[in-house]
PDB file of all heavy atoms in Angstrom:
ATOM      1  N   PRO A   1      22.614  -5.769  10.691  1.00  0.00           N
ATOM      2  CA  PRO A   1      22.378  -5.921  12.128  1.00  0.00           C
ATOM      3  C   PRO A   1      21.696  -7.247  12.474  1.00  0.00           C
ATOM      4  O   PRO A   1      20.968  -7.799  11.676  1.00  0.00           O
ATOM      5  CB  PRO A   1      21.469  -4.737  12.464  1.00  0.00           C
ATOM      6  CG  PRO A   1      20.851  -4.342  11.187  1.00  0.00           C
ATOM      7  CD  PRO A   1      21.813  -4.726  10.094  1.00  0.00           C
ATOM      8  N   ALA A   2      21.964  -7.703  13.683  1.00  0.00           N
ATOM      9  CA  ALA A   2      21.418  -8.987  14.127  1.00  0.00           C
ATOM     10  C   ALA A   2      20.011  -8.846  14.708  1.00  0.00           C
ATOM     11  O   ALA A   2      19.304  -9.823  14.824  1.00  0.00           O
ATOM     12  CB  ALA A   2      22.337  -9.602  15.164  1.00  0.00           C
ATOM     13  N   GLU A   3      19.620  -7.669  15.076  1.00  0.00           N
ATOM     14  CA  GLU A   3      18.318  -7.469  15.710  1.00  0.00           C
ATOM     15  C   GLU A   3      17.401  -6.624  14.847  1.00  0.00           C
ATOM     16  O   GLU A   3      17.848  -5.691  14.190  1.00  0.00           O
ATOM     17  CB  GLU A   3      18.480  -6.784  17.073  1.00  0.00           C
ATOM     18  CG  GLU A   3      19.187  -7.636  18.099  1.00  0.00           C
ATOM     19  CD  GLU A   3      18.415  -8.893  18.450  1.00  0.00           C
ATOM     20  OE1 GLU A   3      17.178  -8.831  18.574  1.00  0.00           O
ATOM     21  OE2 GLU A   3      19.055  -9.941  18.588  1.00  0.00           O
ATOM     22  N   ILE A   4      16.135  -6.938  14.886  1.00  0.00           N
ATOM     23  CA  ILE A   4      15.144  -6.149  14.151  1.00  0.00           C
ATOM     24  C   ILE A   4      14.788  -4.925  14.990  1.00  0.00           C
ATOM     25  O   ILE A   4      14.675  -5.023  16.211  1.00  0.00           O
ATOM     26  CB  ILE A   4      13.883  -6.994  13.850  1.00  0.00           C
ATOM     27  CG1 ILE A   4      12.924  -6.237  12.945  1.00  0.00           C
ATOM     28  CG2 ILE A   4      13.172  -7.407  15.114  1.00  0.00           C
ATOM     29  CD1 ILE A   4      11.819  -7.090  12.373  1.00  0.00           C
ATOM     30  N   PRO A   5      14.646  -3.755  14.360  1.00  0.00           N
ATOM     31  CA  PRO A   5      14.257  -2.588  15.143  1.00  0.00           C
ATOM     32  C   PRO A   5      12.827  -2.736  15.651  1.00  0.00           C
ATOM     33  O   PRO A   5      11.995  -3.337  14.995  1.00  0.00           O
ATOM     34  CB  PRO A   5      14.369  -1.434  14.134  1.00  0.00           C
ATOM     35  CG  PRO A   5      14.472  -2.051  12.799  1.00  0.00           C
ATOM     36  CD  PRO A   5      14.878  -3.479  12.972  1.00  0.00           C
ATOM     37  N   ASP A   6      12.571  -2.200  16.842  1.00  0.00           N
ATOM     38  CA  ASP A   6      11.227  -2.250  17.401  1.00  0.00           C
ATOM     39  C   ASP A   6      10.311  -1.304  16.649  1.00  0.00           C
ATOM     40  O   ASP A   6      10.647  -0.140  16.431  1.00  0.00           O
ATOM     41  CB  ASP A   6      11.241  -1.851  18.883  1.00  0.00           C
ATOM     42  CG  ASP A   6      11.900  -2.914  19.739  1.00  0.00           C
ATOM     43  OD1 ASP A   6      11.846  -4.101  19.352  1.00  0.00           O
ATOM     44  OD2 ASP A   6      12.455  -2.559  20.793  1.00  0.00           O
ATOM     45  N   VAL A   7       9.149  -1.824  16.243  1.00  0.00           N
ATOM     46  CA  VAL A   7       8.139  -1.017  15.569  1.00  0.00           C
ATOM     47  C   VAL A   7       6.845  -1.202  16.347  1.00  0.00           C
ATOM     48  O   VAL A   7       6.248  -2.277  16.315  1.00  0.00           O
ATOM     49  CB  VAL A   7       7.944  -1.458  14.099  1.00  0.00           C
ATOM     50  CG1 VAL A   7       6.889  -0.616  13.418  1.00  0.00           C
ATOM     51  CG2 VAL A   7       9.260  -1.393  13.348  1.00  0.00           C
ATOM     52  N   PRO A   8       6.426  -0.165  17.096  1.00  0.00           N
ATOM     53  CA  PRO A   8       5.219  -0.322  17.903  1.00  0.00           C
ATOM     54  C   PRO A   8       3.969  -0.449  17.035  1.00  0.00           C
ATOM     55  O   PRO A   8       3.871   0.130  15.974  1.00  0.00           O
ATOM     56  CB  PRO A   8       5.166   0.969  18.738  1.00  0.00           C
ATOM     57  CG  PRO A   8       5.995   1.940  18.005  1.00  0.00           C
ATOM     58  CD  PRO A   8       7.009   1.159  17.219  1.00  0.00           C
ATOM     59  N   ASP A   9       3.012  -1.225  17.508  1.00  0.00           N
ATOM     60  CA  ASP A   9       1.751  -1.422  16.807  1.00  0.00           C
ATOM     61  C   ASP A   9       0.630  -1.127  17.794  1.00  0.00           C
ATOM     62  O   ASP A   9       0.334  -1.958  18.644  1.00  0.00           O
ATOM     63  CB  ASP A   9       1.675  -2.848  16.278  1.00  0.00           C
ATOM     64  CG  ASP A   9       0.448  -3.098  15.425  1.00  0.00           C
ATOM     65  OD1 ASP A   9      -0.326  -2.160  15.178  1.00  0.00           O
ATOM     66  OD2 ASP A   9       0.269  -4.245  15.012  1.00  0.00           O
ATOM     67  N   GLY A  10       0.045   0.043  17.720  1.00  0.00           N
ATOM     68  CA  GLY A  10      -0.942   0.494  18.685  1.00  0.00           C
ATOM     69  C   GLY A  10      -2.268  -0.221  18.618  1.00  0.00           C
ATOM     70  O   GLY A  10      -3.033  -0.206  19.566  1.00  0.00           O
ATOM     71  N   GLU A  11      -2.589  -0.876  17.503  1.00  0.00           N
ATOM     72  CA  GLU A  11      -3.891  -1.499  17.320  1.00  0.00           C
ATOM     73  C   GLU A  11      -4.001  -2.857  18.023  1.00  0.00           C
ATOM     74  O   GLU A  11      -5.035  -3.192  18.559  1.00  0.00           O
ATOM     75  CB  GLU A  11      -4.162  -1.696  15.823  1.00  0.00           C
ATOM     76  CG  GLU A  11      -4.218  -0.396  15.028  1.00  0.00           C
ATOM     77  CD  GLU A  11      -5.543   0.312  15.189  1.00  0.00           C
ATOM     78  OE1 GLU A  11      -6.577  -0.356  15.221  1.00  0.00           O
ATOM     79  OE2 GLU A  11      -5.527   1.549  15.289  1.00  0.00           O
ATOM     80  N   ALA A  12      -2.960  -3.648  17.980  1.00  0.00           N
ATOM     81  CA  ALA A  12      -3.033  -5.011  18.501  1.00  0.00           C
ATOM     82  C   ALA A  12      -2.872  -5.038  20.011  1.00  0.00           C
ATOM     83  O   ALA A  12      -2.299  -4.144  20.610  1.00  0.00           O
ATOM     84  CB  ALA A  12      -1.952  -5.863  17.843  1.00  0.00           C
ATOM     85  N   GLY A  13      -3.361  -6.122  20.610  1.00  0.00           N
ATOM     86  CA  GLY A  13      -3.189  -6.316  22.039  1.00  0.00           C
ATOM     87  C   GLY A  13      -1.749  -6.685  22.347  1.00  0.00           C
ATOM     88  O   GLY A  13      -0.956  -6.951  21.451  1.00  0.00           O
ATOM     89  N   ILE A  14      -1.432  -6.735  23.631  1.00  0.00           N
ATOM     90  CA  ILE A  14      -0.055  -7.003  24.049  1.00  0.00           C
ATOM     91  C   ILE A  14       0.409  -8.375  23.564  1.00  0.00           C
ATOM     92  O   ILE A  14       1.520  -8.504  23.048  1.00  0.00           O
ATOM     93  CB  ILE A  14       0.061  -6.894  25.582  1.00  0.00           C
ATOM     94  CG1 ILE A  14      -0.164  -5.442  25.994  1.00  0.00           C
ATOM     95  CG2 ILE A  14       1.414  -7.393  26.057  1.00  0.00           C
ATOM     96  CD1 ILE A  14      -0.266  -5.237  27.484  1.00  0.00           C
ATOM     97  N   LEU A  15      -0.422  -9.407  23.682  1.00  0.00           N
ATOM     98  CA  LEU A  15      -0.036 -10.740  23.234  1.00  0.00           C
ATOM     99  C   LEU A  15       0.191 -10.769  21.726  1.00  0.00           C
ATOM    100  O   LEU A  15       1.185 -11.320  21.254  1.00  0.00           O
ATOM    101  CB  LEU A  15      -1.095 -11.774  23.632  1.00  0.00           C
ATOM    102  CG  LEU A  15      -0.804 -13.220  23.237  1.00  0.00           C
ATOM    103  CD1 LEU A  15       0.519 -13.682  23.863  1.00  0.00           C
ATOM    104  CD2 LEU A  15      -1.937 -14.121  23.650  1.00  0.00           C
ATOM    105  N   GLU A  16      -0.713 -10.164  20.967  1.00  0.00           N
ATOM    106  CA  GLU A  16      -0.559 -10.119  19.512  1.00  0.00           C
ATOM    107  C   GLU A  16       0.701  -9.359  19.112  1.00  0.00           C
ATOM    108  O   GLU A  16       1.407  -9.749  18.189  1.00  0.00           O
ATOM    109  CB  GLU A  16      -1.788  -9.485  18.847  1.00  0.00           C
ATOM    110  CG  GLU A  16      -3.025 -10.372  18.852  1.00  0.00           C
ATOM    111  CD  GLU A  16      -3.821 -10.256  20.156  1.00  0.00           C
ATOM    112  OE1 GLU A  16      -3.500  -9.398  21.005  1.00  0.00           O
ATOM    113  OE2 GLU A  16      -4.756 -11.051  20.326  1.00  0.00           O
ATOM    114  N   GLN A  17       0.993  -8.277  19.831  1.00  0.00           N
ATOM    115  CA  GLN A  17       2.213  -7.513  19.554  1.00  0.00           C
ATOM    116  C   GLN A  17       3.447  -8.369  19.798  1.00  0.00           C
ATOM    117  O   GLN A  17       4.379  -8.370  18.998  1.00  0.00           O
ATOM    118  CB  GLN A  17       2.291  -6.271  20.439  1.00  0.00           C
ATOM    119  CG  GLN A  17       1.384  -5.148  20.033  1.00  0.00           C
ATOM    120  CD  GLN A  17       1.548  -3.950  20.962  1.00  0.00           C
ATOM    121  OE1 GLN A  17       2.493  -3.862  21.727  1.00  0.00           O
ATOM    122  NE2 GLN A  17       0.614  -3.019  20.871  1.00  0.00           N
ATOM    123  N   PHE A  18       3.423  -9.097  20.903  1.00  0.00           N
ATOM    124  CA  PHE A  18       4.567  -9.946  21.231  1.00  0.00           C
ATOM    125  C   PHE A  18       4.766 -11.029  20.174  1.00  0.00           C
ATOM    126  O   PHE A  18       5.881 -11.261  19.713  1.00  0.00           O
ATOM    127  CB  PHE A  18       4.374 -10.577  22.618  1.00  0.00           C
ATOM    128  CG  PHE A  18       5.475 -11.521  22.991  1.00  0.00           C
ATOM    129  CD1 PHE A  18       6.706 -11.033  23.400  1.00  0.00           C
ATOM    130  CD2 PHE A  18       5.290 -12.901  22.907  1.00  0.00           C
ATOM    131  CE1 PHE A  18       7.737 -11.892  23.728  1.00  0.00           C
ATOM    132  CE2 PHE A  18       6.319 -13.766  23.232  1.00  0.00           C
ATOM    133  CZ  PHE A  18       7.544 -13.264  23.643  1.00  0.00           C
ATOM    134  N   ILE A  19       3.679 -11.697  19.796  1.00  0.00           N
ATOM    135  CA  ILE A  19       3.766 -12.759  18.784  1.00  0.00           C
ATOM    136  C   ILE A  19       4.256 -12.201  17.460  1.00  0.00           C
ATOM    137  O   ILE A  19       5.156 -12.772  16.827  1.00  0.00           O
ATOM    138  CB  ILE A  19       2.396 -13.468  18.618  1.00  0.00           C
ATOM    139  CG1 ILE A  19       2.075 -14.267  19.887  1.00  0.00           C
ATOM    140  CG2 ILE A  19       2.392 -14.371  17.383  1.00  0.00           C
ATOM    141  CD1 ILE A  19       0.654 -14.796  19.949  1.00  0.00           C
ATOM    142  N   LYS A  20       3.704 -11.081  17.052  1.00  0.00           N
ATOM    143  CA  LYS A  20       4.115 -10.469  15.788  1.00  0.00           C
ATOM    144  C   LYS A  20       5.593 -10.061  15.845  1.00  0.00           C
ATOM    145  O   LYS A  20       6.338 -10.274  14.893  1.00  0.00           O
ATOM    146  CB  LYS A  20       3.240  -9.252  15.489  1.00  0.00           C
ATOM    147  CG  LYS A  20       3.516  -8.630  14.142  1.00  0.00           C
ATOM    148  CD  LYS A  20       2.546  -7.509  13.832  1.00  0.00           C
ATOM    149  CE  LYS A  20       2.850  -6.952  12.463  1.00  0.00           C
ATOM    150  NZ  LYS A  20       1.907  -5.922  12.066  1.00  0.00           N
ATOM    151  N   LYS A  21       6.008  -9.492  16.973  1.00  0.00           N
ATOM    152  CA  LYS A  21       7.401  -9.077  17.122  1.00  0.00           C
ATOM    153  C   LYS A  21       8.328 -10.282  17.039  1.00  0.00           C
ATOM    154  O   LYS A  21       9.370 -10.231  16.387  1.00  0.00           O
ATOM    155  CB  LYS A  21       7.583  -8.341  18.451  1.00  0.00           C
ATOM    156  CG  LYS A  21       8.971  -7.798  18.659  1.00  0.00           C
ATOM    157  CD  LYS A  21       9.057  -7.021  19.963  1.00  0.00           C
ATOM    158  CE  LYS A  21      10.468  -6.557  20.220  1.00  0.00           C
ATOM    159  NZ  LYS A  21      10.589  -5.829  21.479  1.00  0.00           N
ATOM    160  N   GLU A  22       7.959 -11.380  17.689  1.00  0.00           N
ATOM    161  CA  GLU A  22       8.785 -12.586  17.653  1.00  0.00           C
ATOM    162  C   GLU A  22       8.828 -13.183  16.249  1.00  0.00           C
ATOM    163  O   GLU A  22       9.883 -13.633  15.790  1.00  0.00           O
ATOM    164  CB  GLU A  22       8.289 -13.618  18.665  1.00  0.00           C
ATOM    165  CG  GLU A  22       8.673 -13.287  20.080  1.00  0.00           C
ATOM    166  CD  GLU A  22      10.173 -13.073  20.252  1.00  0.00           C
ATOM    167  OE1 GLU A  22      10.955 -13.959  19.885  1.00  0.00           O
ATOM    168  OE2 GLU A  22      10.559 -12.002  20.757  1.00  0.00           O
ATOM    169  N   GLN A  23       7.695 -13.182  15.548  1.00  0.00           N
ATOM    170  CA  GLN A  23       7.673 -13.685  14.174  1.00  0.00           C
ATOM    171  C   GLN A  23       8.567 -12.821  13.282  1.00  0.00           C
ATOM    172  O   GLN A  23       9.339 -13.343  12.471  1.00  0.00           O
ATOM    173  CB  GLN A  23       6.242 -13.695  13.630  1.00  0.00           C
ATOM    174  CG  GLN A  23       5.384 -14.765  14.237  1.00  0.00           C
ATOM    175  CD  GLN A  23       3.927 -14.638  13.831  1.00  0.00           C
ATOM    176  OE1 GLN A  23       3.445 -13.570  13.476  1.00  0.00           O
ATOM    177  NE2 GLN A  23       3.217 -15.755  13.900  1.00  0.00           N
ATOM    178  N   ASN A  24       8.462 -11.515  13.440  1.00  0.00           N
ATOM    179  CA  ASN A  24       9.301 -10.602  12.663  1.00  0.00           C
ATOM    180  C   ASN A  24      10.777 -10.801  12.988  1.00  0.00           C
ATOM    181  O   ASN A  24      11.624 -10.783  12.105  1.00  0.00           O
ATOM    182  CB  ASN A  24       8.906  -9.148  12.906  1.00  0.00           C
ATOM    183  CG  ASN A  24       7.593  -8.781  12.258  1.00  0.00           C
ATOM    184  OD1 ASN A  24       7.122  -9.464  11.361  1.00  0.00           O
ATOM    185  ND2 ASN A  24       6.989  -7.708  12.723  1.00  0.00           N
ATOM    186  N   ARG A  25      11.075 -10.994  14.263  1.00  0.00           N
ATOM    187  CA  ARG A  25      12.464 -11.197  14.679  1.00  0.00           C
ATOM    188  C   ARG A  25      13.028 -12.472  14.048  1.00  0.00           C
ATOM    189  O   ARG A  25      14.142 -12.481  13.545  1.00  0.00           O
ATOM    190  CB  ARG A  25      12.551 -11.257  16.200  1.00  0.00           C
ATOM    191  CG  ARG A  25      13.969 -11.294  16.729  1.00  0.00           C
ATOM    192  CD  ARG A  25      14.033 -11.359  18.257  1.00  0.00           C
ATOM    193  NE  ARG A  25      13.139 -10.454  18.944  1.00  0.00           N
ATOM    194  CZ  ARG A  25      13.374  -9.155  19.177  1.00  0.00           C
ATOM    195  NH1 ARG A  25      14.478  -8.609  18.760  1.00  0.00           N
ATOM    196  NH2 ARG A  25      12.506  -8.423  19.828  1.00  0.00           N
ATOM    197  N   MET A  26      12.231 -13.532  14.049  1.00  0.00           N
ATOM    198  CA  MET A  26      12.689 -14.791  13.446  1.00  0.00           C
ATOM    199  C   MET A  26      12.888 -14.641  11.939  1.00  0.00           C
ATOM    200  O   MET A  26      13.883 -15.123  11.393  1.00  0.00           O
ATOM    201  CB  MET A  26      11.688 -15.915  13.744  1.00  0.00           C
ATOM    202  CG  MET A  26      11.644 -16.319  15.208  1.00  0.00           C
ATOM    203  SD  MET A  26      10.410 -17.581  15.495  1.00  0.00           S
ATOM    204  CE  MET A  26      11.488 -18.993  15.680  1.00  0.00           C
ATOM    205  N   LEU A  27      11.954 -13.981  11.290  1.00  0.00           N
ATOM    206  CA  LEU A  27      12.086 -13.748   9.851  1.00  0.00           C
ATOM    207  C   LEU A  27      13.309 -12.890   9.560  1.00  0.00           C
ATOM    208  O   LEU A  27      14.091 -13.178   8.657  1.00  0.00           O
ATOM    209  CB  LEU A  27      10.827 -13.076   9.295  1.00  0.00           C
ATOM    210  CG  LEU A  27      10.868 -12.703   7.812  1.00  0.00           C
ATOM    211  CD1 LEU A  27      11.068 -13.948   6.938  1.00  0.00           C
ATOM    212  CD2 LEU A  27       9.600 -11.966   7.422  1.00  0.00           C
ATOM    213  N   TYR A  28      13.498 -11.859  10.348  1.00  0.00           N
ATOM    214  CA  TYR A  28      14.631 -10.950  10.160  1.00  0.00           C
ATOM    215  C   TYR A  28      15.955 -11.692  10.337  1.00  0.00           C
ATOM    216  O   TYR A  28      16.882 -11.542   9.545  1.00  0.00           O
ATOM    217  CB  TYR A  28      14.515  -9.793  11.152  1.00  0.00           C
ATOM    218  CG  TYR A  28      15.440  -8.655  10.880  1.00  0.00           C
ATOM    219  CD1 TYR A  28      15.153  -7.718   9.899  1.00  0.00           C
ATOM    220  CD2 TYR A  28      16.607  -8.504  11.604  1.00  0.00           C
ATOM    221  CE1 TYR A  28      16.006  -6.660   9.650  1.00  0.00           C
ATOM    222  CE2 TYR A  28      17.469  -7.456  11.364  1.00  0.00           C
ATOM    223  CZ  TYR A  28      17.158  -6.533  10.388  1.00  0.00           C
ATOM    224  OH  TYR A  28      18.009  -5.502  10.145  1.00  0.00           O
ATOM    225  N   ARG A  29      16.029 -12.514  11.377  1.00  0.00           N
ATOM    226  CA  ARG A  29      17.250 -13.292  11.610  1.00  0.00           C
ATOM    227  C   ARG A  29      17.511 -14.272  10.474  1.00  0.00           C
ATOM    228  O   ARG A  29      18.649 -14.451  10.046  1.00  0.00           O
ATOM    229  CB  ARG A  29      17.173 -14.033  12.938  1.00  0.00           C
ATOM    230  CG  ARG A  29      17.382 -13.145  14.121  1.00  0.00           C
ATOM    231  CD  ARG A  29      17.381 -13.952  15.396  1.00  0.00           C
ATOM    232  NE  ARG A  29      17.560 -13.082  16.534  1.00  0.00           N
ATOM    233  CZ  ARG A  29      17.063 -13.310  17.723  1.00  0.00           C
ATOM    234  NH1 ARG A  29      16.351 -14.394  17.950  1.00  0.00           N
ATOM    235  NH2 ARG A  29      17.267 -12.473  18.707  1.00  0.00           N
ATOM    236  N   ALA A  30      16.452 -14.928  10.022  1.00  0.00           N
ATOM    237  CA  ALA A  30      16.609 -15.876   8.916  1.00  0.00           C
ATOM    238  C   ALA A  30      17.053 -15.152   7.652  1.00  0.00           C
ATOM    239  O   ALA A  30      17.924 -15.625   6.929  1.00  0.00           O
ATOM    240  CB  ALA A  30      15.301 -16.635   8.683  1.00  0.00           C
ATOM    241  N   MET A  31      16.473 -13.984   7.387  1.00  0.00           N
ATOM    242  CA  MET A  31      16.865 -13.213   6.197  1.00  0.00           C
ATOM    243  C   MET A  31      18.308 -12.742   6.313  1.00  0.00           C
ATOM    244  O   MET A  31      19.022 -12.676   5.319  1.00  0.00           O
ATOM    245  CB  MET A  31      15.925 -12.035   5.965  1.00  0.00           C
ATOM    246  CG  MET A  31      14.601 -12.512   5.416  1.00  0.00           C
ATOM    247  SD  MET A  31      13.610 -11.315   4.551  1.00  0.00           S
ATOM    248  CE  MET A  31      14.652 -10.659   3.309  1.00  0.00           C
ATOM    249  N   ALA A  32      18.748 -12.426   7.521  1.00  0.00           N
ATOM    250  CA  ALA A  32      20.125 -11.973   7.717  1.00  0.00           C
ATOM    251  C   ALA A  32      21.128 -13.078   7.391  1.00  0.00           C
ATOM    252  O   ALA A  32      22.270 -12.784   7.052  1.00  0.00           O
ATOM    253  CB  ALA A  32      20.322 -11.492   9.153  1.00  0.00           C
ATOM    254  N   ARG A  33      20.694 -14.320   7.466  1.00  0.00           N
ATOM    255  CA  ARG A  33      21.576 -15.449   7.149  1.00  0.00           C
ATOM    256  C   ARG A  33      21.717 -15.679   5.649  1.00  0.00           C
ATOM    257  O   ARG A  33      22.625 -16.386   5.220  1.00  0.00           O
ATOM    258  CB  ARG A  33      21.040 -16.714   7.820  1.00  0.00           C
ATOM    259  CG  ARG A  33      21.133 -16.642   9.348  1.00  0.00           C
ATOM    260  CD  ARG A  33      20.426 -17.778  10.030  1.00  0.00           C
ATOM    261  NE  ARG A  33      21.057 -19.064   9.776  1.00  0.00           N
ATOM    262  CZ  ARG A  33      20.558 -20.216  10.202  1.00  0.00           C
ATOM    263  NH1 ARG A  33      19.438 -20.232  10.911  1.00  0.00           N
ATOM    264  NH2 ARG A  33      21.170 -21.348   9.931  1.00  0.00           N
ATOM    265  N   LEU A  34      20.813 -15.130   4.867  1.00  0.00           N
ATOM    266  CA  LEU A  34      20.876 -15.301   3.412  1.00  0.00           C
ATOM    267  C   LEU A  34      22.055 -14.525   2.837  1.00  0.00           C
ATOM    268  O   LEU A  34      22.413 -13.462   3.350  1.00  0.00           O
ATOM    269  CB  LEU A  34      19.594 -14.785   2.749  1.00  0.00           C
ATOM    270  CG  LEU A  34      18.304 -15.560   2.995  1.00  0.00           C
ATOM    271  CD1 LEU A  34      17.128 -14.793   2.411  1.00  0.00           C
ATOM    272  CD2 LEU A  34      18.390 -16.950   2.396  1.00  0.00           C
ATOM    273  N   PRO A  35      22.628 -15.011   1.747  1.00  0.00           N
ATOM    274  CA  PRO A  35      23.634 -14.207   1.045  1.00  0.00           C
ATOM    275  C   PRO A  35      23.011 -12.879   0.604  1.00  0.00           C
ATOM    276  O   PRO A  35      21.804 -12.810   0.333  1.00  0.00           O
ATOM    277  CB  PRO A  35      24.000 -15.070  -0.171  1.00  0.00           C
ATOM    278  CG  PRO A  35      23.596 -16.463   0.207  1.00  0.00           C
ATOM    279  CD  PRO A  35      22.425 -16.321   1.130  1.00  0.00           C
ATOM    280  N   SER A  36      23.808 -11.845   0.543  1.00  0.00           N
ATOM    281  CA  SER A  36      23.272 -10.496   0.308  1.00  0.00           C
ATOM    282  C   SER A  36      22.444 -10.388  -0.967  1.00  0.00           C
ATOM    283  O   SER A  36      21.416  -9.721  -0.985  1.00  0.00           O
ATOM    284  CB  SER A  36      24.394  -9.463   0.305  1.00  0.00           C
ATOM    285  OG  SER A  36      25.307  -9.730  -0.739  1.00  0.00           O
ATOM    286  N   ARG A  37      22.849 -11.038  -2.045  1.00  0.00           N
ATOM    287  CA  ARG A  37      22.097 -10.942  -3.307  1.00  0.00           C
ATOM    288  C   ARG A  37      20.705 -11.554  -3.151  1.00  0.00           C
ATOM    289  O   ARG A  37      19.718 -10.968  -3.570  1.00  0.00           O
ATOM    290  CB  ARG A  37      22.891 -11.640  -4.424  1.00  0.00           C
ATOM    291  CG  ARG A  37      22.224 -11.733  -5.797  1.00  0.00           C
ATOM    292  CD  ARG A  37      21.882 -10.408  -6.460  1.00  0.00           C
ATOM    293  NE  ARG A  37      22.988  -9.534  -6.692  1.00  0.00           N
ATOM    294  CZ  ARG A  37      23.491  -9.229  -7.876  1.00  0.00           C
ATOM    295  NH1 ARG A  37      22.999  -9.750  -8.952  1.00  0.00           N
ATOM    296  NH2 ARG A  37      24.481  -8.382  -7.969  1.00  0.00           N
ATOM    297  N   LYS A  38      20.620 -12.706  -2.522  1.00  0.00           N
ATOM    298  CA  LYS A  38      19.323 -13.357  -2.328  1.00  0.00           C
ATOM    299  C   LYS A  38      18.451 -12.534  -1.378  1.00  0.00           C
ATOM    300  O   LYS A  38      17.251 -12.385  -1.601  1.00  0.00           O
ATOM    301  CB  LYS A  38      19.509 -14.778  -1.803  1.00  0.00           C
ATOM    302  CG  LYS A  38      20.099 -15.727  -2.836  1.00  0.00           C
ATOM    303  CD  LYS A  38      20.316 -17.102  -2.241  1.00  0.00           C
ATOM    304  CE  LYS A  38      20.946 -18.039  -3.256  1.00  0.00           C
ATOM    305  NZ  LYS A  38      21.263 -19.347  -2.676  1.00  0.00           N
ATOM    306  N   ARG A  39      19.053 -12.027  -0.312  1.00  0.00           N
ATOM    307  CA  ARG A  39      18.306 -11.206   0.642  1.00  0.00           C
ATOM    308  C   ARG A  39      17.738  -9.971  -0.050  1.00  0.00           C
ATOM    309  O   ARG A  39      16.581  -9.612   0.119  1.00  0.00           O
ATOM    310  CB  ARG A  39      19.212 -10.812   1.813  1.00  0.00           C
ATOM    311  CG  ARG A  39      18.517  -9.988   2.872  1.00  0.00           C
ATOM    312  CD  ARG A  39      19.402  -9.685   4.058  1.00  0.00           C
ATOM    313  NE  ARG A  39      20.611  -8.981   3.686  1.00  0.00           N
ATOM    314  CZ  ARG A  39      21.848  -9.431   3.882  1.00  0.00           C
ATOM    315  NH1 ARG A  39      22.057 -10.592   4.449  1.00  0.00           N
ATOM    316  NH2 ARG A  39      22.886  -8.715   3.523  1.00  0.00           N
TER     317      ARG A  39
END
């Protein structure tokens, strides 16, 4: 899949949640570009 599933984080503030979600999304997208064996 091209999108990372949403995982709520009740401890962090809204800004921290957004930043973490965006970082995870970027990492997930980058990992999706790797060949399957490397991923």
